[in-house]
Structures are given as C-alpha cells and as structure tokens.
Amino acid sequence: MLNNYYSVTIPSENTLKNLVVRAKDDQIHFIDGINEISAIGKIKKFNYNCHYVVLLPAASLFYHSAPLAEKNPYRISEDNILSKFAEVKENFEEEFYYDYLEIVSEKTKEREIKFFAAEKTLLDSITENLDKYKNNYFISALPVAVFNTVNKVVAQSNYLLYYKINSSYTMLTAVDKKLDLLQASISPAELQSEIDKTQKYYLNNKNIKLKVLAGKSSLLNLEEFMDLEDEDFVFLTSMLWSIEKCQ
C-alpha cells in the first residue's frame, strides 16, 4: 500500500481549519496538528497521492427531512425530491449543491429523505483552487461524517449526540440507528436546555428514551491513548470517516 495522505478541511467562521494525516498499513500518522489556513490548495510535496476532503458544518447547511412515497420503491426520483423544496426556496437547483440520504425504518418500513444542501457561492469560493484536481477531492456534510463514525461504535440505537465546532454545539439524534434530528449553532449556555427539551419531546411524543452522548475521547474508546476535547473530537471522527470513504 502506498503512503496515502488525507487532508480534511472544515470551514470556520472567518478561516478554514485543516488536518493532514498519512495512512499506511492500517496505521495513521498525524503530519501536523489542526491548523488554520486561508485557502485549500494542492499540497505539492504529497504530489497526487493526497485526498482532499471538505466537510461543511451543520450551521452552513440546509437540512430537511421529507417522507418519500415513490411508485417504484427501488428508484428515487430527484424531481420528486426537489419538488418538495421548491416551496421552501426558489431557484433551489440554481443556487444550491445538494445530496441526500434515504432512511428506511426497520420497524415501520417507512421511507424518508434526509436532504443536505449548501449554497454554491460558499462552496465555489472554498474549492476554487481544487477544481483542477476533481478526482482527488470531495465535499460532504460534517454531521454525516461524525454520525456515521459514532454510529458504528456505540451500542445504543436511540441516542442524542452533541459535539463542539466553531465555538458552538451541534446536536443530532438517532432513532433505530438512523439519523433523525439535526440542530446547529447551540451556545454553551443553551446546550443543557436544548438537550432537556429534545429528550422530553422524544419521550412524550414518540415514547423514545434517548441516551445522551458527549463528543469526547471515551465515546470512541480512545481515552487511554489521547485526551480529546472540543473540536479535536470532530476532526478525529472526520478523519476516520474520510479515510474509509476514500479507500
């Protein structure tokens, strides 16, 4: 296996935060810590052997859930999906890049679309220096990366996860191991109140008790090796997800 490098970038308020690692023979080596950069560009010393991943925080995303009732259950019609958002935002296709997840409930078999979108002006300004290397980079949603990584290691099927990014908290919930609620830009002072409110809502309206999980070292069973705080947890989960995604 070649030395594969992975550059993970998360937009911050007025800058970009970046982490570069090398993955070889199932070992991960940190090239440097988390750094602030002004622009994303090709790292020349790594030649073409570097995957560039841009993950957008929930605060910069348009997130929406919509039930899906297709005539053909094995094929999703984008026209059907986009029509659900035409009333929410005019010129949606012209102004946003988008992607979606299909969620199927194991209990009810109901199908739902989890829709993520970001403004084209935001993404184009971030990735303009990488357009010539289209095969070496991709963009996704940060909460998806965090959720997918955590979802594999926790035993709970129904839980509330919160993590810190850009001086505020993002909170998401999982029901039957499927992404459900996503809420961003929660201040530290509001966090406990939002957790209590969300737990109460699920218990009273859905009869679901959510286990509260904090984004830190113990969640990944890494407390013996490293002490993760704040955004370190987000970058580590993002890095693990990116390596798996690119291989």
Protein backbone atom coordinates (compact mmCIF):
# COMPACT_ATOMS: atom_id res chain seq x y z
CA MET A 1 0.00 0.00 0.00
CA LEU A 2 1.29 3.45 -0.88
CA ASN A 3 1.61 6.27 1.59
CA ASN A 4 -1.86 7.80 1.30
CA TYR A 5 -2.32 11.31 2.65
CA TYR A 6 -5.65 12.78 3.67
CA SER A 7 -6.31 16.49 4.02
CA VAL A 8 -9.51 17.21 5.97
CA THR A 9 -10.77 20.80 5.95
CA ILE A 10 -13.66 22.26 7.92
CA PRO A 11 -14.74 25.86 7.26
CA SER A 12 -14.71 28.02 10.37
CA GLU A 13 -16.20 31.47 10.94
CA ASN A 14 -13.53 33.52 9.17
CA THR A 15 -11.00 30.89 8.16
CA LEU A 16 -10.50 27.22 7.28
CA LYS A 17 -9.30 24.59 9.74
CA ASN A 18 -7.24 21.75 8.32
CA LEU A 19 -5.77 18.44 9.44
CA VAL A 20 -3.42 16.27 7.36
CA VAL A 21 -2.68 12.62 8.16
CA ARG A 22 -0.90 9.71 6.49
CA ALA A 23 -2.47 6.26 6.49
CA LYS A 24 -0.22 3.29 5.76
CA ASP A 25 -0.52 -0.39 6.67
CA ASP A 26 -3.51 0.27 8.95
CA GLN A 27 -1.54 2.90 10.87
CA ILE A 28 -2.38 6.59 10.99
CA HIS A 29 0.28 9.26 11.43
CA PHE A 30 -0.53 12.91 12.06
CA ILE A 31 1.54 15.14 9.77
CA ASP A 32 0.71 18.17 11.88
CA GLY A 33 -1.94 19.34 14.27
CA ILE A 34 -5.08 21.26 13.43
CA ASN A 35 -4.04 24.38 11.55
CA GLU A 36 -5.79 27.46 10.25
CA ILE A 37 -5.34 28.06 6.53
CA SER A 38 -6.55 30.81 4.22
CA ALA A 39 -7.26 28.59 1.22
CA ILE A 40 -7.33 24.94 0.21
CA GLY A 41 -4.71 24.07 -2.36
CA LYS A 42 -2.83 21.06 -3.62
CA ILE A 43 -0.02 20.07 -1.25
CA LYS A 44 2.87 19.78 -3.69
CA LYS A 45 5.16 17.60 -1.55
CA PHE A 46 2.48 14.89 -1.50
CA ASN A 47 2.16 15.01 -5.29
CA TYR A 48 -1.10 13.39 -6.38
CA ASN A 49 -1.10 10.92 -3.51
CA CYS A 50 -3.39 13.05 -1.33
CA HIS A 51 -7.15 13.01 -0.94
CA TYR A 52 -8.72 16.36 -0.12
CA VAL A 53 -11.93 16.26 1.89
CA VAL A 54 -14.06 19.31 2.68
CA LEU A 55 -16.71 18.85 5.37
CA LEU A 56 -19.34 21.53 5.88
CA PRO A 57 -20.61 22.18 9.42
CA ALA A 58 -24.32 21.90 10.06
CA ALA A 59 -24.59 25.67 10.55
CA SER A 60 -23.78 26.25 6.86
CA LEU A 61 -26.16 23.56 5.57
CA PHE A 62 -29.81 23.47 4.60
CA TYR A 63 -31.16 20.29 6.21
CA HIS A 64 -34.64 18.93 5.77
CA SER A 65 -36.49 15.65 6.18
CA ALA A 66 -39.29 14.61 3.87
CA PRO A 67 -41.38 11.44 3.62
CA LEU A 68 -40.93 9.55 0.38
CA ALA A 69 -43.75 7.77 -1.40
CA GLU A 70 -42.50 6.60 -4.79
CA LYS A 71 -44.41 4.49 -7.26
CA ASN A 72 -41.28 2.43 -7.74
CA PRO A 73 -39.78 1.64 -4.30
CA TYR A 74 -36.44 0.71 -5.86
CA ARG A 75 -35.88 4.01 -7.62
CA ILE A 76 -35.77 7.52 -6.20
CA SER A 77 -36.90 10.34 -8.45
CA GLU A 78 -34.88 13.55 -7.96
CA ASP A 79 -37.74 15.52 -9.50
CA ASN A 80 -39.98 14.21 -6.74
CA ILE A 81 -37.45 15.19 -4.08
CA LEU A 82 -36.69 18.65 -5.45
CA SER A 83 -40.36 19.45 -5.83
CA LYS A 84 -40.66 19.17 -2.05
CA PHE A 85 -38.21 22.06 -1.63
CA ALA A 86 -39.43 24.36 -4.39
CA GLU A 87 -41.80 25.99 -1.92
CA VAL A 88 -39.06 26.33 0.69
CA LYS A 89 -36.51 28.05 -1.54
CA GLU A 90 -36.96 29.48 -5.01
CA ASN A 91 -34.36 28.63 -7.67
CA PHE A 92 -33.14 25.81 -5.45
CA GLU A 93 -31.26 23.88 -8.15
CA GLU A 94 -29.56 27.03 -9.43
CA GLU A 95 -28.39 28.28 -6.04
CA PHE A 96 -27.53 25.10 -4.10
CA TYR A 97 -25.43 21.96 -4.37
CA TYR A 98 -27.27 19.10 -2.72
CA ASP A 99 -27.13 15.47 -1.67
CA TYR A 100 -29.44 13.21 0.27
CA LEU A 101 -29.67 10.07 2.36
CA GLU A 102 -32.53 7.60 2.12
CA ILE A 103 -33.65 6.37 5.53
CA VAL A 104 -35.82 3.26 5.86
CA SER A 105 -37.33 2.50 9.26
CA GLU A 106 -36.70 -1.10 10.29
CA LYS A 107 -39.91 -1.10 12.33
CA THR A 108 -42.42 0.72 10.13
CA LYS A 109 -40.63 0.35 6.75
CA GLU A 110 -41.48 3.99 6.08
CA ARG A 111 -39.05 5.76 3.74
CA GLU A 112 -37.70 9.22 4.34
CA ILE A 113 -35.19 11.50 2.65
CA LYS A 114 -32.60 13.39 4.69
CA PHE A 115 -31.70 16.26 2.41
CA PHE A 116 -28.49 18.31 2.70
CA ALA A 117 -27.72 21.38 0.61
CA ALA A 118 -25.15 24.19 0.59
CA GLU A 119 -25.04 27.47 -1.27
CA LYS A 120 -22.99 27.30 -4.46
CA THR A 121 -21.34 30.64 -3.73
CA LEU A 122 -19.97 29.26 -0.45
CA LEU A 123 -18.61 26.04 -1.93
CA ASP A 124 -17.20 27.60 -5.08
CA SER A 125 -15.15 30.08 -3.07
CA ILE A 126 -13.74 27.32 -0.85
CA THR A 127 -12.83 24.84 -3.60
CA GLU A 128 -11.79 27.12 -6.46
CA ASN A 129 -8.13 26.05 -6.15
CA LEU A 130 -9.05 22.35 -6.27
CA ASP A 131 -11.25 22.32 -9.36
CA LYS A 132 -8.35 21.12 -11.49
CA TYR A 133 -7.94 18.09 -9.20
CA LYS A 134 -11.53 16.85 -9.32
CA ASN A 135 -10.50 13.21 -8.88
CA ASN A 136 -8.65 13.98 -5.65
CA TYR A 137 -11.26 15.80 -3.58
CA PHE A 138 -14.85 15.57 -2.50
CA ILE A 139 -17.26 17.51 -0.32
CA SER A 140 -19.71 16.23 2.24
CA ALA A 141 -21.61 17.24 5.37
CA LEU A 142 -19.70 17.25 8.65
CA PRO A 143 -22.64 15.89 10.70
CA VAL A 144 -22.87 12.93 8.33
CA ALA A 145 -19.19 12.10 8.88
CA VAL A 146 -19.49 12.42 12.66
CA PHE A 147 -22.75 10.47 12.81
CA ASN A 148 -21.52 7.58 10.64
CA THR A 149 -18.34 7.20 12.68
CA VAL A 150 -20.06 7.32 16.07
CA ASN A 151 -22.95 5.15 14.94
CA LYS A 152 -20.57 2.24 14.34
CA VAL A 153 -19.07 2.24 17.81
CA VAL A 154 -21.98 2.98 20.14
CA ALA A 155 -24.31 0.25 21.34
CA GLN A 156 -27.37 2.45 21.71
CA SER A 157 -29.96 2.52 18.92
CA ASN A 158 -31.67 5.68 20.16
CA TYR A 159 -29.39 8.47 21.28
CA LEU A 160 -28.67 12.18 21.32
CA LEU A 161 -25.13 13.20 20.37
CA TYR A 162 -23.68 16.66 20.82
CA TYR A 163 -20.28 17.93 19.74
CA LYS A 164 -18.48 21.27 19.65
CA ILE A 165 -17.46 23.00 16.43
CA ASN A 166 -16.59 26.66 15.82
CA SER A 167 -17.33 27.77 19.40
CA SER A 168 -20.86 26.36 19.43
CA TYR A 169 -22.51 22.97 19.64
CA THR A 170 -24.24 20.78 17.10
CA MET A 171 -26.79 18.26 18.32
CA LEU A 172 -28.16 15.29 16.42
CA THR A 173 -30.40 12.40 17.30
CA ALA A 174 -30.56 8.82 16.10
CA VAL A 175 -33.65 6.61 16.14
CA ASP A 176 -33.13 2.93 15.36
CA LYS A 177 -29.55 3.85 14.38
CA LYS A 178 -30.88 6.25 11.72
CA LEU A 179 -30.17 9.98 11.64
CA ASP A 180 -33.23 11.96 12.72
CA LEU A 181 -32.90 15.48 14.15
CA LEU A 182 -30.07 17.92 13.38
CA GLN A 183 -29.66 21.23 15.18
CA ALA A 184 -26.70 23.60 14.89
CA SER A 185 -25.31 26.79 16.45
CA ILE A 186 -26.27 25.98 20.04
CA SER A 187 -24.41 28.20 22.51
CA PRO A 188 -22.74 26.62 25.56
CA ALA A 189 -25.26 28.40 27.79
CA GLU A 190 -28.19 26.91 25.87
CA LEU A 191 -26.84 23.38 25.48
CA GLN A 192 -28.32 21.71 28.56
CA SER A 193 -31.68 23.35 27.99
CA GLU A 194 -31.79 22.10 24.38
CA ILE A 195 -30.79 18.59 25.48
CA ASP A 196 -33.54 18.51 28.11
CA LYS A 197 -36.10 19.88 25.67
CA THR A 198 -35.20 17.32 23.00
CA GLN A 199 -35.25 14.38 25.40
CA LYS A 200 -38.66 15.46 26.69
CA TYR A 201 -40.04 15.79 23.16
CA TYR A 202 -38.96 12.29 22.10
CA LEU A 203 -40.23 10.74 25.32
CA ASN A 204 -43.63 12.47 25.28
CA ASN A 205 -44.33 12.37 21.54
CA LYS A 206 -42.56 9.23 20.35
CA ASN A 207 -42.19 7.21 23.56
CA ILE A 208 -38.45 7.03 22.90
CA LYS A 209 -35.84 7.49 25.61
CA LEU A 210 -32.66 8.99 24.18
CA LYS A 211 -29.26 8.25 25.66
CA VAL A 212 -27.17 11.44 25.80
CA LEU A 213 -23.67 11.06 24.31
CA ALA A 214 -20.96 13.72 24.51
CA GLY A 215 -18.43 14.04 21.72
CA LYS A 216 -15.20 13.16 23.53
CA SER A 217 -12.49 10.50 23.83
CA SER A 218 -14.48 8.00 25.86
CA LEU A 219 -17.10 7.73 23.14
CA LEU A 220 -14.52 6.26 20.76
CA ASN A 221 -12.79 4.19 23.45
CA LEU A 222 -9.61 6.19 22.95
CA GLU A 223 -9.25 7.75 26.38
CA GLU A 224 -6.19 5.59 27.14
CA PHE A 225 -4.39 6.90 24.06
CA MET A 226 -5.42 10.53 23.75
CA ASP A 227 -7.48 13.15 25.51
CA LEU A 228 -9.82 14.73 23.00
CA GLU A 229 -11.58 17.95 23.75
CA ASP A 230 -13.80 20.29 21.78
CA GLU A 231 -13.03 20.27 18.05
CA ASP A 232 -10.34 17.55 18.30
CA PHE A 233 -13.16 15.01 18.53
CA VAL A 234 -14.79 16.37 15.38
CA PHE A 235 -11.56 16.24 13.41
CA LEU A 236 -10.71 12.73 14.55
CA THR A 237 -14.12 11.32 13.63
CA SER A 238 -13.97 13.21 10.33
CA MET A 239 -10.52 11.86 9.59
CA LEU A 240 -11.55 8.25 10.29
CA TRP A 241 -14.62 8.66 8.08
CA SER A 242 -12.60 10.27 5.28
CA ILE A 243 -10.01 7.50 5.18
CA GLU A 244 -12.70 4.84 4.97
CA LYS A 245 -14.58 6.83 2.33
CA CYS A 246 -11.54 7.34 0.09
CA GLN A 247 -10.20 3.79 0.17
